Amino acid sequence: MNIRQAQYLIAVYEEGSISGAAKRLYITQPALSQTIQMVEKDIGARIFCRGTSPISLTPAGEKYIAAAHKLIALESGLYREIEEIRQETSGRWAFPPSAPCPSCRGCCRFFSSSTLRWSWR
């Protein structure tokens, strides 16, 4: 499954018809039908019950659509995190290692501003 396939099949599910989804996606109905057939061939199961109006999901289709939603959410989250990095609104403070003191193994060492550094991890 790729993002485009996920978006296309979610649109069919949400619109309740292939023709409605094709209009929403600004693609031809045959192109959308071909994508559906390719996905169904790849997974080895039908996704939609085409004999119902509105179109409904098979049990395999329910699993596929749930996974498609997760994939799109994952991609959206990734883009959001990358944008945060680009805007420098998130990151992680890293401290240089300190020499351990005899009593507390360095946990009470004082850091001056010159020992702090910013790093992306």
PDB file of N, CA and C in Angstrom:
ATOM      1  N   MET A   1       0.854  -1.172   0.000  1.00  0.00           N
ATOM      2  CA  MET A   1       0.000   0.000   0.000  1.00  0.00           C
ATOM      3  C   MET A   1       0.902   1.237   0.000  1.00  0.00           C
ATOM      4  N   ASN A   2       0.581   2.160  -0.885  1.00  0.00           N
ATOM      5  CA  ASN A   2       1.263   3.444  -0.846  1.00  0.00           C
ATOM      6  C   ASN A   2       0.242   4.524  -0.477  1.00  0.00           C
ATOM      7  N   ILE A   3       0.746   5.724  -0.239  1.00  0.00           N
ATOM      8  CA  ILE A   3      -0.124   6.816   0.217  1.00  0.00           C
ATOM      9  C   ILE A   3      -1.236   7.109  -0.787  1.00  0.00           C
ATOM     10  N   ARG A   4      -0.879   7.131  -2.063  1.00  0.00           N
ATOM     11  CA  ARG A   4      -1.882   7.436  -3.091  1.00  0.00           C
ATOM     12  C   ARG A   4      -2.995   6.392  -3.076  1.00  0.00           C
ATOM     13  N   GLN A   5      -2.629   5.119  -3.026  1.00  0.00           N
ATOM     14  CA  GLN A   5      -3.634   4.055  -2.974  1.00  0.00           C
ATOM     15  C   GLN A   5      -4.503   4.200  -1.728  1.00  0.00           C
ATOM     16  N   ALA A   6      -3.873   4.499  -0.603  1.00  0.00           N
ATOM     17  CA  ALA A   6      -4.621   4.670   0.644  1.00  0.00           C
ATOM     18  C   ALA A   6      -5.634   5.809   0.504  1.00  0.00           C
ATOM     19  N   GLN A   7      -5.188   6.934  -0.035  1.00  0.00           N
ATOM     20  CA  GLN A   7      -6.083   8.077  -0.208  1.00  0.00           C
ATOM     21  C   GLN A   7      -7.230   7.746  -1.161  1.00  0.00           C
ATOM     22  N   TYR A   8      -6.930   7.055  -2.240  1.00  0.00           N
ATOM     23  CA  TYR A   8      -7.960   6.706  -3.216  1.00  0.00           C
ATOM     24  C   TYR A   8      -9.010   5.783  -2.609  1.00  0.00           C
ATOM     25  N   LEU A   9      -8.556   4.744  -1.911  1.00  0.00           N
ATOM     26  CA  LEU A   9      -9.526   3.790  -1.377  1.00  0.00           C
ATOM     27  C   LEU A   9     -10.325   4.368  -0.214  1.00  0.00           C
ATOM     28  N   ILE A  10      -9.716   5.230   0.563  1.00  0.00           N
ATOM     29  CA  ILE A  10     -10.473   5.919   1.619  1.00  0.00           C
ATOM     30  C   ILE A  10     -11.544   6.804   0.987  1.00  0.00           C
ATOM     31  N   ALA A  11     -11.216   7.467  -0.107  1.00  0.00           N
ATOM     32  CA  ALA A  11     -12.199   8.315  -0.796  1.00  0.00           C
ATOM     33  C   ALA A  11     -13.379   7.489  -1.292  1.00  0.00           C
ATOM     34  N   VAL A  12     -13.117   6.312  -1.842  1.00  0.00           N
ATOM     35  CA  VAL A  12     -14.211   5.439  -2.306  1.00  0.00           C
ATOM     36  C   VAL A  12     -15.093   5.059  -1.124  1.00  0.00           C
ATOM     37  N   TYR A  13     -14.463   4.688  -0.036  1.00  0.00           N
ATOM     38  CA  TYR A  13     -15.214   4.319   1.166  1.00  0.00           C
ATOM     39  C   TYR A  13     -16.058   5.496   1.674  1.00  0.00           C
ATOM     40  N   GLU A  14     -15.456   6.679   1.765  1.00  0.00           N
ATOM     41  CA  GLU A  14     -16.166   7.845   2.286  1.00  0.00           C
ATOM     42  C   GLU A  14     -17.278   8.331   1.357  1.00  0.00           C
ATOM     43  N   GLU A  15     -17.031   8.271   0.057  1.00  0.00           N
ATOM     44  CA  GLU A  15     -18.036   8.724  -0.907  1.00  0.00           C
ATOM     45  C   GLU A  15     -19.135   7.690  -1.115  1.00  0.00           C
ATOM     46  N   GLY A  16     -18.825   6.425  -0.879  1.00  0.00           N
ATOM     47  CA  GLY A  16     -19.810   5.372  -1.066  1.00  0.00           C
ATOM     48  C   GLY A  16     -19.965   4.925  -2.503  1.00  0.00           C
ATOM     49  N   SER A  17     -19.131   5.459  -3.396  1.00  0.00           N
ATOM     50  CA  SER A  17     -19.166   5.042  -4.794  1.00  0.00           C
ATOM     51  C   SER A  17     -17.835   5.370  -5.462  1.00  0.00           C
ATOM     52  N   ILE A  18     -17.530   4.595  -6.475  1.00  0.00           N
ATOM     53  CA  ILE A  18     -16.306   4.820  -7.236  1.00  0.00           C
ATOM     54  C   ILE A  18     -16.423   6.109  -8.048  1.00  0.00           C
ATOM     55  N   SER A  19     -17.586   6.337  -8.641  1.00  0.00           N
ATOM     56  CA  SER A  19     -17.755   7.552  -9.450  1.00  0.00           C
ATOM     57  C   SER A  19     -17.673   8.811  -8.588  1.00  0.00           C
ATOM     58  N   GLY A  20     -18.270   8.787  -7.411  1.00  0.00           N
ATOM     59  CA  GLY A  20     -18.196   9.938  -6.505  1.00  0.00           C
ATOM     60  C   GLY A  20     -16.768  10.203  -6.043  1.00  0.00           C
ATOM     61  N   ALA A  21     -16.047   9.126  -5.745  1.00  0.00           N
ATOM     62  CA  ALA A  21     -14.656   9.280  -5.323  1.00  0.00           C
ATOM     63  C   ALA A  21     -13.796   9.803  -6.467  1.00  0.00           C
ATOM     64  N   ALA A  22     -14.046   9.316  -7.674  1.00  0.00           N
ATOM     65  CA  ALA A  22     -13.283   9.785  -8.838  1.00  0.00           C
ATOM     66  C   ALA A  22     -13.469  11.288  -9.034  1.00  0.00           C
ATOM     67  N   LYS A  23     -14.696  11.760  -8.888  1.00  0.00           N
ATOM     68  CA  LYS A  23     -14.961  13.204  -9.008  1.00  0.00           C
ATOM     69  C   LYS A  23     -14.219  13.977  -7.927  1.00  0.00           C
ATOM     70  N   ARG A  24     -14.284  13.496  -6.702  1.00  0.00           N
ATOM     71  CA  ARG A  24     -13.616  14.162  -5.579  1.00  0.00           C
ATOM     72  C   ARG A  24     -12.097  14.208  -5.765  1.00  0.00           C
ATOM     73  N   LEU A  25     -11.551  13.135  -6.336  1.00  0.00           N
ATOM     74  CA  LEU A  25     -10.102  13.038  -6.522  1.00  0.00           C
ATOM     75  C   LEU A  25      -9.610  13.659  -7.831  1.00  0.00           C
ATOM     76  N   TYR A  26     -10.551  14.098  -8.670  1.00  0.00           N
ATOM     77  CA  TYR A  26     -10.226  14.677  -9.984  1.00  0.00           C
ATOM     78  C   TYR A  26      -9.455  13.692 -10.863  1.00  0.00           C
ATOM     79  N   ILE A  27      -9.917  12.435 -10.842  1.00  0.00           N
ATOM     80  CA  ILE A  27      -9.356  11.419 -11.737  1.00  0.00           C
ATOM     81  C   ILE A  27     -10.516  10.731 -12.444  1.00  0.00           C
ATOM     82  N   THR A  28     -10.200   9.958 -13.466  1.00  0.00           N
ATOM     83  CA  THR A  28     -11.261   9.256 -14.183  1.00  0.00           C
ATOM     84  C   THR A  28     -11.702   8.029 -13.393  1.00  0.00           C
ATOM     85  N   GLN A  29     -12.942   7.647 -13.608  1.00  0.00           N
ATOM     86  CA  GLN A  29     -13.461   6.453 -12.946  1.00  0.00           C
ATOM     87  C   GLN A  29     -12.681   5.201 -13.356  1.00  0.00           C
ATOM     88  N   PRO A  30     -12.333   5.012 -14.656  1.00  0.00           N
ATOM     89  CA  PRO A  30     -11.554   3.831 -15.005  1.00  0.00           C
ATOM     90  C   PRO A  30     -10.183   3.782 -14.318  1.00  0.00           C
ATOM     91  N   ALA A  31      -9.543   4.930 -14.142  1.00  0.00           N
ATOM     92  CA  ALA A  31      -8.243   4.954 -13.456  1.00  0.00           C
ATOM     93  C   ALA A  31      -8.390   4.539 -11.995  1.00  0.00           C
ATOM     94  N   LEU A  32      -9.454   4.996 -11.358  1.00  0.00           N
ATOM     95  CA  LEU A  32      -9.699   4.624  -9.969  1.00  0.00           C
ATOM     96  C   LEU A  32     -10.057   3.143  -9.858  1.00  0.00           C
ATOM     97  N   SER A  33     -10.895   2.662 -10.765  1.00  0.00           N
ATOM     98  CA  SER A  33     -11.246   1.234 -10.767  1.00  0.00           C
ATOM     99  C   SER A  33     -10.006   0.369 -10.967  1.00  0.00           C
ATOM    100  N   GLN A  34      -9.110   0.815 -11.824  1.00  0.00           N
ATOM    101  CA  GLN A  34      -7.882   0.076 -12.080  1.00  0.00           C
ATOM    102  C   GLN A  34      -7.001   0.039 -10.820  1.00  0.00           C
ATOM    103  N   THR A  35      -6.939   1.148 -10.093  1.00  0.00           N
ATOM    104  CA  THR A  35      -6.168   1.186  -8.849  1.00  0.00           C
ATOM    105  C   THR A  35      -6.756   0.217  -7.830  1.00  0.00           C
ATOM    106  N   ILE A  36      -8.072   0.208  -7.716  1.00  0.00           N
ATOM    107  CA  ILE A  36      -8.738  -0.712  -6.781  1.00  0.00           C
ATOM    108  C   ILE A  36      -8.422  -2.163  -7.152  1.00  0.00           C
ATOM    109  N   GLN A  37      -8.553  -2.485  -8.434  1.00  0.00           N
ATOM    110  CA  GLN A  37      -8.272  -3.843  -8.878  1.00  0.00           C
ATOM    111  C   GLN A  37      -6.823  -4.236  -8.611  1.00  0.00           C
ATOM    112  N   MET A  38      -5.889  -3.294  -8.806  1.00  0.00           N
ATOM    113  CA  MET A  38      -4.478  -3.574  -8.562  1.00  0.00           C
ATOM    114  C   MET A  38      -4.233  -3.859  -7.078  1.00  0.00           C
ATOM    115  N   VAL A  39      -4.846  -3.071  -6.210  1.00  0.00           N
ATOM    116  CA  VAL A  39      -4.694  -3.285  -4.769  1.00  0.00           C
ATOM    117  C   VAL A  39      -5.301  -4.624  -4.374  1.00  0.00           C
ATOM    118  N   GLU A  40      -6.496  -4.908  -4.879  1.00  0.00           N
ATOM    119  CA  GLU A  40      -7.149  -6.180  -4.551  1.00  0.00           C
ATOM    120  C   GLU A  40      -6.315  -7.367  -5.034  1.00  0.00           C
ATOM    121  N   LYS A  41      -5.694  -7.231  -6.184  1.00  0.00           N
ATOM    122  CA  LYS A  41      -4.828  -8.301  -6.687  1.00  0.00           C
ATOM    123  C   LYS A  41      -3.607  -8.451  -5.782  1.00  0.00           C
ATOM    124  N   ASP A  42      -3.036  -7.326  -5.360  1.00  0.00           N
ATOM    125  CA  ASP A  42      -1.851  -7.367  -4.497  1.00  0.00           C
ATOM    126  C   ASP A  42      -2.134  -8.030  -3.154  1.00  0.00           C
ATOM    127  N   ILE A  43      -3.278  -7.731  -2.555  1.00  0.00           N
ATOM    128  CA  ILE A  43      -3.577  -8.305  -1.234  1.00  0.00           C
ATOM    129  C   ILE A  43      -4.288  -9.652  -1.324  1.00  0.00           C
ATOM    130  N   GLY A  44      -4.769  -9.981  -2.511  1.00  0.00           N
ATOM    131  CA  GLY A  44      -5.423 -11.276  -2.699  1.00  0.00           C
ATOM    132  C   GLY A  44      -6.824 -11.354  -2.131  1.00  0.00           C
ATOM    133  N   ALA A  45      -7.492 -10.225  -2.006  1.00  0.00           N
ATOM    134  CA  ALA A  45      -8.860 -10.206  -1.472  1.00  0.00           C
ATOM    135  C   ALA A  45      -9.585  -8.970  -1.982  1.00  0.00           C
ATOM    136  N   ARG A  46     -10.902  -9.063  -2.033  1.00  0.00           N
ATOM    137  CA  ARG A  46     -11.720  -7.913  -2.420  1.00  0.00           C
ATOM    138  C   ARG A  46     -11.806  -6.939  -1.250  1.00  0.00           C
ATOM    139  N   ILE A  47     -11.827  -5.659  -1.572  1.00  0.00           N
ATOM    140  CA  ILE A  47     -11.938  -4.621  -0.552  1.00  0.00           C
ATOM    141  C   ILE A  47     -13.375  -4.128  -0.444  1.00  0.00           C
ATOM    142  N   PHE A  48     -14.045  -4.012  -1.586  1.00  0.00           N
ATOM    143  CA  PHE A  48     -15.408  -3.472  -1.621  1.00  0.00           C
ATOM    144  C   PHE A  48     -16.410  -4.503  -2.121  1.00  0.00           C
ATOM    145  N   CYS A  49     -17.617  -4.464  -1.557  1.00  0.00           N
ATOM    146  CA  CYS A  49     -18.762  -5.194  -2.097  1.00  0.00           C
ATOM    147  C   CYS A  49     -19.418  -4.232  -3.080  1.00  0.00           C
ATOM    148  N   ARG A  50     -19.223  -4.476  -4.341  1.00  0.00           N
ATOM    149  CA  ARG A  50     -19.698  -3.531  -5.346  1.00  0.00           C
ATOM    150  C   ARG A  50     -21.196  -3.653  -5.617  1.00  0.00           C
ATOM    151  N   GLY A  51     -21.836  -4.684  -5.136  1.00  0.00           N
ATOM    152  CA  GLY A  51     -23.252  -4.893  -5.400  1.00  0.00           C
ATOM    153  C   GLY A  51     -24.177  -4.111  -4.493  1.00  0.00           C
ATOM    154  N   THR A  52     -23.628  -3.353  -3.578  1.00  0.00           N
ATOM    155  CA  THR A  52     -24.457  -2.588  -2.653  1.00  0.00           C
ATOM    156  C   THR A  52     -24.367  -1.101  -2.976  1.00  0.00           C
ATOM    157  N   SER A  53     -25.391  -0.381  -2.602  1.00  0.00           N
ATOM    158  CA  SER A  53     -25.370   1.064  -2.794  1.00  0.00           C
ATOM    159  C   SER A  53     -25.809   1.712  -1.483  1.00  0.00           C
ATOM    160  N   PRO A  54     -24.980   2.445  -0.800  1.00  0.00           N
ATOM    161  CA  PRO A  54     -23.615   2.774  -1.192  1.00  0.00           C
ATOM    162  C   PRO A  54     -22.701   1.554  -1.095  1.00  0.00           C
ATOM    163  N   ILE A  55     -21.558   1.667  -1.771  1.00  0.00           N
ATOM    164  CA  ILE A  55     -20.578   0.589  -1.781  1.00  0.00           C
ATOM    165  C   ILE A  55     -20.167   0.286  -0.333  1.00  0.00           C
ATOM    166  N   SER A  56     -19.961  -0.975  -0.013  1.00  0.00           N
ATOM    167  CA  SER A  56     -19.600  -1.327   1.362  1.00  0.00           C
ATOM    168  C   SER A  56     -18.286  -2.108   1.382  1.00  0.00           C
ATOM    169  N   LEU A  57     -17.732  -2.243   2.568  1.00  0.00           N
ATOM    170  CA  LEU A  57     -16.457  -2.919   2.738  1.00  0.00           C
ATOM    171  C   LEU A  57     -16.644  -4.399   3.026  1.00  0.00           C
ATOM    172  N   THR A  58     -15.732  -5.189   2.513  1.00  0.00           N
ATOM    173  CA  THR A  58     -15.639  -6.591   2.902  1.00  0.00           C
ATOM    174  C   THR A  58     -14.880  -6.631   4.233  1.00  0.00           C
ATOM    175  N   PRO A  59     -14.802  -7.777   4.895  1.00  0.00           N
ATOM    176  CA  PRO A  59     -13.972  -7.849   6.109  1.00  0.00           C
ATOM    177  C   PRO A  59     -12.508  -7.468   5.825  1.00  0.00           C
ATOM    178  N   ALA A  60     -11.970  -7.904   4.694  1.00  0.00           N
ATOM    179  CA  ALA A  60     -10.604  -7.517   4.323  1.00  0.00           C
ATOM    180  C   ALA A  60     -10.531  -6.011   4.071  1.00  0.00           C
ATOM    181  N   GLY A  61     -11.580  -5.458   3.490  1.00  0.00           N
ATOM    182  CA  GLY A  61     -11.642  -4.030   3.239  1.00  0.00           C
ATOM    183  C   GLY A  61     -11.654  -3.212   4.513  1.00  0.00           C
ATOM    184  N   GLU A  62     -12.339  -3.712   5.530  1.00  0.00           N
ATOM    185  CA  GLU A  62     -12.343  -3.022   6.819  1.00  0.00           C
ATOM    186  C   GLU A  62     -10.938  -2.921   7.382  1.00  0.00           C
ATOM    187  N   LYS A  63     -10.189  -4.019   7.284  1.00  0.00           N
ATOM    188  CA  LYS A  63      -8.791  -4.021   7.751  1.00  0.00           C
ATOM    189  C   LYS A  63      -7.939  -3.079   6.908  1.00  0.00           C
ATOM    190  N   TYR A  64      -8.156  -3.105   5.600  1.00  0.00           N
ATOM    191  CA  TYR A  64      -7.371  -2.274   4.695  1.00  0.00           C
ATOM    192  C   TYR A  64      -7.622  -0.794   4.965  1.00  0.00           C
ATOM    193  N   ILE A  65      -8.862  -0.399   5.108  1.00  0.00           N
ATOM    194  CA  ILE A  65      -9.191   1.005   5.339  1.00  0.00           C
ATOM    195  C   ILE A  65      -8.652   1.467   6.696  1.00  0.00           C
ATOM    196  N   ALA A  66      -8.727   0.621   7.714  1.00  0.00           N
ATOM    197  CA  ALA A  66      -8.170   0.976   9.023  1.00  0.00           C
ATOM    198  C   ALA A  66      -6.658   1.215   8.904  1.00  0.00           C
ATOM    199  N   ALA A  67      -5.980   0.324   8.182  1.00  0.00           N
ATOM    200  CA  ALA A  67      -4.536   0.484   7.981  1.00  0.00           C
ATOM    201  C   ALA A  67      -4.232   1.716   7.139  1.00  0.00           C
ATOM    202  N   ALA A  68      -5.065   2.016   6.159  1.00  0.00           N
ATOM    203  CA  ALA A  68      -4.871   3.189   5.311  1.00  0.00           C
ATOM    204  C   ALA A  68      -4.977   4.466   6.134  1.00  0.00           C
ATOM    205  N   HIS A  69      -5.934   4.518   7.049  1.00  0.00           N
ATOM    206  CA  HIS A  69      -6.065   5.681   7.930  1.00  0.00           C
ATOM    207  C   HIS A  69      -4.807   5.840   8.792  1.00  0.00           C
ATOM    208  N   LYS A  70      -4.289   4.729   9.309  1.00  0.00           N
ATOM    209  CA  LYS A  70      -3.080   4.785  10.133  1.00  0.00           C
ATOM    210  C   LYS A  70      -1.890   5.271   9.315  1.00  0.00           C
ATOM    211  N   LEU A  71      -1.780   4.794   8.078  1.00  0.00           N
ATOM    212  CA  LEU A  71      -0.672   5.204   7.212  1.00  0.00           C
ATOM    213  C   LEU A  71      -0.723   6.703   6.940  1.00  0.00           C
ATOM    214  N   ILE A  72      -1.887   7.221   6.646  1.00  0.00           N
ATOM    215  CA  ILE A  72      -2.033   8.649   6.369  1.00  0.00           C
ATOM    216  C   ILE A  72      -1.745   9.469   7.633  1.00  0.00           C
ATOM    217  N   ALA A  73      -2.192   8.985   8.781  1.00  0.00           N
ATOM    218  CA  ALA A  73      -1.906   9.686  10.038  1.00  0.00           C
ATOM    219  C   ALA A  73      -0.405   9.675  10.331  1.00  0.00           C
ATOM    220  N   LEU A  74       0.236   8.560  10.045  1.00  0.00           N
ATOM    221  CA  LEU A  74       1.680   8.452  10.247  1.00  0.00           C
ATOM    222  C   LEU A  74       2.429   9.438   9.352  1.00  0.00           C
ATOM    223  N   GLU A  75       2.024   9.509   8.095  1.00  0.00           N
ATOM    224  CA  GLU A  75       2.665  10.446   7.170  1.00  0.00           C
ATOM    225  C   GLU A  75       2.439  11.888   7.624  1.00  0.00           C
ATOM    226  N   SER A  76       1.234  12.194   8.041  1.00  0.00           N
ATOM    227  CA  SER A  76       0.916  13.539   8.504  1.00  0.00           C
ATOM    228  C   SER A  76       1.748  13.904   9.729  1.00  0.00           C
ATOM    229  N   GLY A  77       1.871  12.980  10.668  1.00  0.00           N
ATOM    230  CA  GLY A  77       2.688  13.205  11.859  1.00  0.00           C
ATOM    231  C   GLY A  77       4.148  13.418  11.523  1.00  0.00           C
ATOM    232  N   LEU A  78       4.640  12.645  10.570  1.00  0.00           N
ATOM    233  CA  LEU A  78       6.029  12.786  10.140  1.00  0.00           C
ATOM    234  C   LEU A  78       6.264  14.171   9.555  1.00  0.00           C
ATOM    235  N   TYR A  79       5.384  14.617   8.673  1.00  0.00           N
ATOM    236  CA  TYR A  79       5.530  15.946   8.076  1.00  0.00           C
ATOM    237  C   TYR A  79       5.459  17.048   9.134  1.00  0.00           C
ATOM    238  N   ARG A  80       4.592  16.854  10.128  1.00  0.00           N
ATOM    239  CA  ARG A  80       4.466  17.835  11.206  1.00  0.00           C
ATOM    240  C   ARG A  80       5.765  17.900  12.022  1.00  0.00           C
ATOM    241  N   GLU A  81       6.338  16.740  12.329  1.00  0.00           N
ATOM    242  CA  GLU A  81       7.590  16.706  13.085  1.00  0.00           C
ATOM    243  C   GLU A  81       8.745  17.311  12.293  1.00  0.00           C
ATOM    244  N   ILE A  82       8.787  17.047  11.006  1.00  0.00           N
ATOM    245  CA  ILE A  82       9.837  17.630  10.169  1.00  0.00           C
ATOM    246  C   ILE A  82       9.683  19.144  10.110  1.00  0.00           C
ATOM    247  N   GLU A  83       8.456  19.614  10.025  1.00  0.00           N
ATOM    248  CA  GLU A  83       8.230  21.055  10.019  1.00  0.00           C
ATOM    249  C   GLU A  83       8.668  21.680  11.338  1.00  0.00           C
ATOM    250  N   GLU A  84       8.428  21.008  12.451  1.00  0.00           N
ATOM    251  CA  GLU A  84       8.892  21.505  13.747  1.00  0.00           C
ATOM    252  C   GLU A  84      10.412  21.614  13.769  1.00  0.00           C
ATOM    253  N   ILE A  85      11.091  20.625  13.211  1.00  0.00           N
ATOM    254  CA  ILE A  85      12.547  20.669  13.140  1.00  0.00           C
ATOM    255  C   ILE A  85      12.986  21.848  12.282  1.00  0.00           C
ATOM    256  N   ARG A  86      12.319  22.019  11.151  1.00  0.00           N
ATOM    257  CA  ARG A  86      12.665  23.134  10.273  1.00  0.00           C
ATOM    258  C   ARG A  86      12.471  24.472  10.980  1.00  0.00           C
ATOM    259  N   GLN A  87      11.455  24.563  11.799  1.00  0.00           N
ATOM    260  CA  GLN A  87      11.168  25.805  12.514  1.00  0.00           C
ATOM    261  C   GLN A  87      11.936  25.897  13.834  1.00  0.00           C
ATOM    262  N   GLU A  88      12.700  24.862  14.158  1.00  0.00           N
ATOM    263  CA  GLU A  88      13.483  24.794  15.391  1.00  0.00           C
ATOM    264  C   GLU A  88      12.623  24.971  16.636  1.00  0.00           C
ATOM    265  N   THR A  89      11.471  24.311  16.622  1.00  0.00           N
ATOM    266  CA  THR A  89      10.592  24.386  17.787  1.00  0.00           C
ATOM    267  C   THR A  89      10.666  23.135  18.640  1.00  0.00           C
ATOM    268  N   SER A  90      11.448  22.171  18.214  1.00  0.00           N
ATOM    269  CA  SER A  90      11.605  20.979  19.043  1.00  0.00           C
ATOM    270  C   SER A  90      13.040  20.505  18.918  1.00  0.00           C
ATOM    271  N   GLY A  91      13.461  19.772  19.849  1.00  0.00           N
ATOM    272  CA  GLY A  91      14.818  19.240  19.849  1.00  0.00           C
ATOM    273  C   GLY A  91      15.076  18.577  21.180  1.00  0.00           C
ATOM    274  N   ARG A  92      16.334  18.334  21.447  1.00  0.00           N
ATOM    275  CA  ARG A  92      16.672  17.655  22.676  1.00  0.00           C
ATOM    276  C   ARG A  92      17.971  18.238  23.209  1.00  0.00           C
ATOM    277  N   TRP A  93      17.968  18.558  24.469  1.00  0.00           N
ATOM    278  CA  TRP A  93      19.193  19.049  25.080  1.00  0.00           C
ATOM    279  C   TRP A  93      20.099  17.866  25.353  1.00  0.00           C
ATOM    280  N   ALA A  94      21.380  18.038  25.068  1.00  0.00           N
ATOM    281  CA  ALA A  94      22.354  16.992  25.363  1.00  0.00           C
ATOM    282  C   ALA A  94      23.478  17.614  26.175  1.00  0.00           C
ATOM    283  N   PHE A  95      23.900  16.944  27.225  1.00  0.00           N
ATOM    284  CA  PHE A  95      24.978  17.439  28.073  1.00  0.00           C
ATOM    285  C   PHE A  95      26.227  16.603  27.812  1.00  0.00           C
ATOM    286  N   PRO A  96      27.385  17.241  27.814  1.00  0.00           N
ATOM    287  CA  PRO A  96      28.601  16.455  27.644  1.00  0.00           C
ATOM    288  C   PRO A  96      28.803  15.563  28.855  1.00  0.00           C
ATOM    289  N   PRO A  97      29.427  14.419  28.679  1.00  0.00           N
ATOM    290  CA  PRO A  97      29.633  13.523  29.826  1.00  0.00           C
ATOM    291  C   PRO A  97      30.516  14.208  30.873  1.00  0.00           C
ATOM    292  N   SER A  98      30.232  13.951  32.122  1.00  0.00           N
ATOM    293  CA  SER A  98      31.018  14.546  33.205  1.00  0.00           C
ATOM    294  C   SER A  98      31.833  13.459  33.896  1.00  0.00           C
ATOM    295  N   ALA A  99      32.943  13.881  34.487  1.00  0.00           N
ATOM    296  CA  ALA A  99      33.755  12.930  35.253  1.00  0.00           C
ATOM    297  C   ALA A  99      33.039  12.633  36.552  1.00  0.00           C
ATOM    298  N   PRO A 100      32.912  11.376  36.922  1.00  0.00           N
ATOM    299  CA  PRO A 100      32.183  11.050  38.150  1.00  0.00           C
ATOM    300  C   PRO A 100      32.923  11.539  39.397  1.00  0.00           C
ATOM    301  N   CYS A 101      32.173  12.074  40.334  1.00  0.00           N
ATOM    302  CA  CYS A 101      32.763  12.424  41.623  1.00  0.00           C
ATOM    303  C   CYS A 101      32.665  11.189  42.524  1.00  0.00           C
ATOM    304  N   PRO A 102      33.481  11.101  43.553  1.00  0.00           N
ATOM    305  CA  PRO A 102      33.505   9.873  44.365  1.00  0.00           C
ATOM    306  C   PRO A 102      32.173   9.543  45.033  1.00  0.00           C
ATOM    307  N   SER A 103      31.398  10.550  45.397  1.00  0.00           N
ATOM    308  CA  SER A 103      30.200  10.255  46.178  1.00  0.00           C
ATOM    309  C   SER A 103      28.956  10.022  45.332  1.00  0.00           C
ATOM    310  N   CYS A 104      28.819  10.705  44.191  1.00  0.00           N
ATOM    311  CA  CYS A 104      27.555  10.576  43.468  1.00  0.00           C
ATOM    312  C   CYS A 104      27.745  10.311  41.970  1.00  0.00           C
ATOM    313  N   ARG A 105      28.894   9.938  41.559  1.00  0.00           N
ATOM    314  CA  ARG A 105      29.171   9.572  40.165  1.00  0.00           C
ATOM    315  C   ARG A 105      28.842  10.690  39.177  1.00  0.00           C
ATOM    316  N   GLY A 106      29.048  11.922  39.589  1.00  0.00           N
ATOM    317  CA  GLY A 106      28.900  13.040  38.678  1.00  0.00           C
ATOM    318  C   GLY A 106      27.510  13.625  38.558  1.00  0.00           C
ATOM    319  N   CYS A 107      26.535  13.095  39.296  1.00  0.00           N
ATOM    320  CA  CYS A 107      25.176  13.586  39.118  1.00  0.00           C
ATOM    321  C   CYS A 107      24.965  14.963  39.718  1.00  0.00           C
ATOM    322  N   CYS A 108      25.883  15.428  40.580  1.00  0.00           N
ATOM    323  CA  CYS A 108      25.696  16.738  41.187  1.00  0.00           C
ATOM    324  C   CYS A 108      26.597  17.796  40.560  1.00  0.00           C
ATOM    325  N   ARG A 109      27.247  17.469  39.475  1.00  0.00           N
ATOM    326  CA  ARG A 109      28.143  18.434  38.828  1.00  0.00           C
ATOM    327  C   ARG A 109      27.338  19.635  38.343  1.00  0.00           C
ATOM    328  N   PHE A 110      27.882  20.800  38.490  1.00  0.00           N
ATOM    329  CA  PHE A 110      27.239  22.021  38.018  1.00  0.00           C
ATOM    330  C   PHE A 110      27.693  22.301  36.601  1.00  0.00           C
ATOM    331  N   PHE A 111      26.759  22.670  35.774  1.00  0.00           N
ATOM    332  CA  PHE A 111      27.072  22.998  34.394  1.00  0.00           C
ATOM    333  C   PHE A 111      26.961  24.497  34.211  1.00  0.00           C
ATOM    334  N   SER A 112      27.949  25.058  33.550  1.00  0.00           N
ATOM    335  CA  SER A 112      27.836  26.460  33.175  1.00  0.00           C
ATOM    336  C   SER A 112      27.230  26.520  31.787  1.00  0.00           C
ATOM    337  N   SER A 113      26.824  27.691  31.363  1.00  0.00           N
ATOM    338  CA  SER A 113      26.212  27.814  30.040  1.00  0.00           C
ATOM    339  C   SER A 113      27.187  27.418  28.942  1.00  0.00           C
ATOM    340  N   SER A 114      28.476  27.473  29.214  1.00  0.00           N
ATOM    341  CA  SER A 114      29.452  27.099  28.186  1.00  0.00           C
ATOM    342  C   SER A 114      29.522  25.591  27.972  1.00  0.00           C
ATOM    343  N   THR A 115      28.998  24.787  28.915  1.00  0.00           N
ATOM    344  CA  THR A 115      29.043  23.336  28.734  1.00  0.00           C
ATOM    345  C   THR A 115      27.772  22.784  28.099  1.00  0.00           C
ATOM    346  N   LEU A 116      26.767  23.618  27.885  1.00  0.00           N
ATOM    347  CA  LEU A 116      25.531  23.161  27.254  1.00  0.00           C
ATOM    348  C   LEU A 116      25.698  23.180  25.746  1.00  0.00           C
ATOM    349  N   ARG A 117      25.115  22.238  25.094  1.00  0.00           N
ATOM    350  CA  ARG A 117      25.092  22.238  23.633  1.00  0.00           C
ATOM    351  C   ARG A 117      23.749  21.724  23.148  1.00  0.00           C
ATOM    352  N   TRP A 118      23.349  22.144  22.004  1.00  0.00           N
ATOM    353  CA  TRP A 118      22.083  21.757  21.398  1.00  0.00           C
ATOM    354  C   TRP A 118      22.382  20.714  20.344  1.00  0.00           C
ATOM    355  N   SER A 119      21.659  19.621  20.369  1.00  0.00           N
ATOM    356  CA  SER A 119      21.858  18.618  19.323  1.00  0.00           C
ATOM    357  C   SER A 119      20.519  18.020  18.935  1.00  0.00           C
ATOM    358  N   TRP A 120      20.422  17.620  17.693  1.00  0.00           N
ATOM    359  CA  TRP A 120      19.209  16.949  17.177  1.00  0.00           C
ATOM    360  C   TRP A 120      19.448  15.469  17.254  1.00  0.00           C
ATOM    361  N   ARG A 121      18.588  14.767  17.974  1.00  0.00           N
ATOM    362  CA  ARG A 121      18.692  13.301  18.054  1.00  0.00           C
ATOM    363  C   ARG A 121      17.360  12.676  17.824  1.00  0.00           C
TER     364      ARG A 121
END
